[in-house]
Amino acid sequence: MIRLHFSIAGPREITAGPAAAFRFDAHGVTACPGGREIAKFSDRMWQVGGQHFTRCECREPARVQFEDSDGRLGALFGPFGSLAFYGGSLYAGKTLLARYDDGQQSWYAVQTKADHWAIRVLA
């Protein structure tokens, strides 16, 4: 089980989870299984409970899996010690794993050089 931590400059932080996995797409974040909405994503910010955050982190060891537009899941990457989404990008430490393409409304995986509909973060 993993948790997500949403934050902005200063002490304000909201924690979501635990969940077996989280799915990040053009609209936001949902918990898996079940699809419960955790956050909305707009203008490279996360909205949780009416509050806006610039950063979303998974501080537990986690893996990443990309999903294509047909819902097929690709290979697992990781585990990584932690993950951070900010500025429309996903990082494992200082390594860029993916970036969000506003025009395509999809995530671009840097290692595979492919566009994907969603990203799953799982324990």
Protein backbone atom coordinates (compact mmCIF):
# COMPACT_ATOMS: atom_id res chain seq x y z
CA MET A 1 0.00 0.00 0.00
CA ILE A 2 1.21 3.49 -0.86
CA ARG A 3 0.17 7.06 -0.08
CA LEU A 4 0.27 10.32 -2.04
CA HIS A 5 1.29 13.63 -0.46
CA PHE A 6 -0.01 16.82 -2.13
CA SER A 7 1.86 20.01 -1.19
CA ILE A 8 2.63 23.61 -2.12
CA ALA A 9 5.31 25.95 -0.82
CA GLY A 10 4.84 26.19 2.93
CA PRO A 11 3.55 23.77 5.49
CA ARG A 12 0.23 22.92 3.79
CA GLU A 13 -0.04 19.24 2.83
CA ILE A 14 -2.81 16.68 2.25
CA THR A 15 -2.20 12.93 2.28
CA ALA A 16 -4.30 10.48 0.23
CA GLY A 17 -4.41 6.73 0.67
CA PRO A 18 -3.37 4.16 1.40
CA ALA A 19 -4.20 2.38 -1.85
CA ALA A 20 -2.68 -0.49 -3.80
CA ALA A 21 -2.11 1.89 -6.74
CA PHE A 22 -2.99 5.31 -8.13
CA ARG A 23 -3.85 6.14 -11.75
CA PHE A 24 -2.81 9.55 -13.17
CA ASP A 25 -4.49 10.72 -16.38
CA ALA A 26 -5.49 14.00 -18.07
CA HIS A 27 -8.31 14.54 -15.58
CA GLY A 28 -6.59 13.73 -12.31
CA VAL A 29 -5.81 10.91 -9.93
CA THR A 30 -7.93 7.92 -8.95
CA ALA A 31 -7.24 5.17 -6.41
CA CYS A 32 -6.99 1.59 -7.66
CA PRO A 33 -8.83 -0.64 -7.40
CA GLY A 34 -12.22 1.05 -7.40
CA GLY A 35 -11.56 4.32 -9.25
CA ARG A 36 -12.28 6.65 -6.30
CA GLU A 37 -11.31 10.21 -7.30
CA ILE A 38 -8.39 11.57 -5.27
CA ALA A 39 -7.52 14.79 -7.13
CA LYS A 40 -8.34 16.76 -10.27
CA PHE A 41 -5.53 17.91 -12.58
CA SER A 42 -5.74 21.28 -14.36
CA ASP A 43 -3.16 23.88 -15.40
CA ARG A 44 -0.43 21.60 -13.99
CA MET A 45 -1.92 21.82 -10.53
CA TRP A 46 -3.66 19.24 -8.36
CA GLN A 47 -7.00 20.13 -6.78
CA VAL A 48 -7.91 18.20 -3.64
CA GLY A 49 -10.92 19.16 -1.54
CA GLY A 50 -11.09 22.64 -3.07
CA GLN A 51 -7.40 23.35 -2.40
CA HIS A 52 -4.69 23.63 -5.09
CA PHE A 53 -1.27 22.00 -4.91
CA THR A 54 1.80 22.18 -7.15
CA ARG A 55 3.40 18.90 -6.10
CA CYS A 56 2.29 15.31 -5.62
CA GLU A 57 4.71 12.79 -4.10
CA CYS A 58 4.80 9.10 -3.35
CA ARG A 59 7.39 8.79 -0.58
CA GLU A 60 7.27 5.00 -0.29
CA PRO A 61 9.09 2.71 -2.73
CA ALA A 62 6.89 2.44 -5.81
CA ARG A 63 6.85 1.25 -9.40
CA VAL A 64 5.50 2.97 -12.52
CA GLN A 65 3.48 1.43 -15.33
CA PHE A 66 2.21 3.25 -18.42
CA GLU A 67 -1.22 2.66 -19.93
CA ASP A 68 -2.01 3.22 -23.61
CA SER A 69 -5.24 4.69 -25.03
CA ASP A 70 -6.77 1.19 -25.24
CA GLY A 71 -6.11 0.54 -21.53
CA ARG A 72 -3.25 -1.90 -22.12
CA LEU A 73 -0.55 -1.79 -19.47
CA GLY A 74 3.14 -1.80 -20.40
CA ALA A 75 6.23 -2.98 -18.56
CA LEU A 76 6.86 -2.05 -14.94
CA PHE A 77 9.65 0.43 -14.15
CA GLY A 78 11.25 0.54 -10.72
CA PRO A 79 10.99 0.18 -7.86
CA PHE A 80 12.01 3.75 -7.13
CA GLY A 81 12.68 5.06 -3.62
CA SER A 82 10.18 7.88 -4.17
CA LEU A 83 8.33 9.62 -7.00
CA ALA A 84 7.32 13.26 -7.50
CA PHE A 85 4.92 14.89 -9.94
CA TYR A 86 5.46 18.64 -10.39
CA GLY A 87 5.51 21.13 -13.22
CA GLY A 88 3.73 18.61 -15.46
CA SER A 89 6.55 16.06 -15.07
CA LEU A 90 7.15 12.83 -13.18
CA TYR A 91 10.53 12.33 -11.50
CA ALA A 92 12.21 9.47 -9.68
CA GLY A 93 14.81 11.39 -7.71
CA LYS A 94 16.38 13.69 -10.32
CA THR A 95 15.56 11.38 -13.24
CA LEU A 96 12.75 12.54 -15.55
CA LEU A 97 10.42 9.59 -16.25
CA ALA A 98 7.52 11.33 -18.02
CA ARG A 99 6.11 14.71 -18.91
CA TYR A 100 2.56 15.80 -19.55
CA ASP A 101 1.68 17.05 -23.06
CA ASP A 102 -1.14 19.58 -22.75
CA GLY A 103 -1.95 19.47 -26.48
CA GLN A 104 -2.27 15.68 -26.61
CA GLN A 105 -3.66 15.43 -23.06
CA SER A 106 -1.37 12.48 -22.44
CA TRP A 107 1.85 11.55 -20.65
CA TYR A 108 5.04 11.14 -22.69
CA ALA A 109 7.31 8.39 -21.32
CA VAL A 110 10.92 9.50 -21.68
CA GLN A 111 12.49 5.99 -21.61
CA THR A 112 10.14 4.43 -24.17
CA LYS A 113 9.68 7.65 -26.16
CA ALA A 114 5.95 7.01 -26.45
CA ASP A 115 2.74 8.83 -25.57
CA HIS A 116 0.50 7.17 -23.03
CA TRP A 117 -2.99 7.91 -21.81
CA ALA A 118 -2.21 7.33 -18.14
CA ILE A 119 0.41 6.43 -15.55
CA ARG A 120 -0.11 3.93 -12.75
CA VAL A 121 1.96 4.21 -9.59
CA LEU A 122 1.91 1.03 -7.53
CA ALA A 123 3.69 -0.53 -4.58
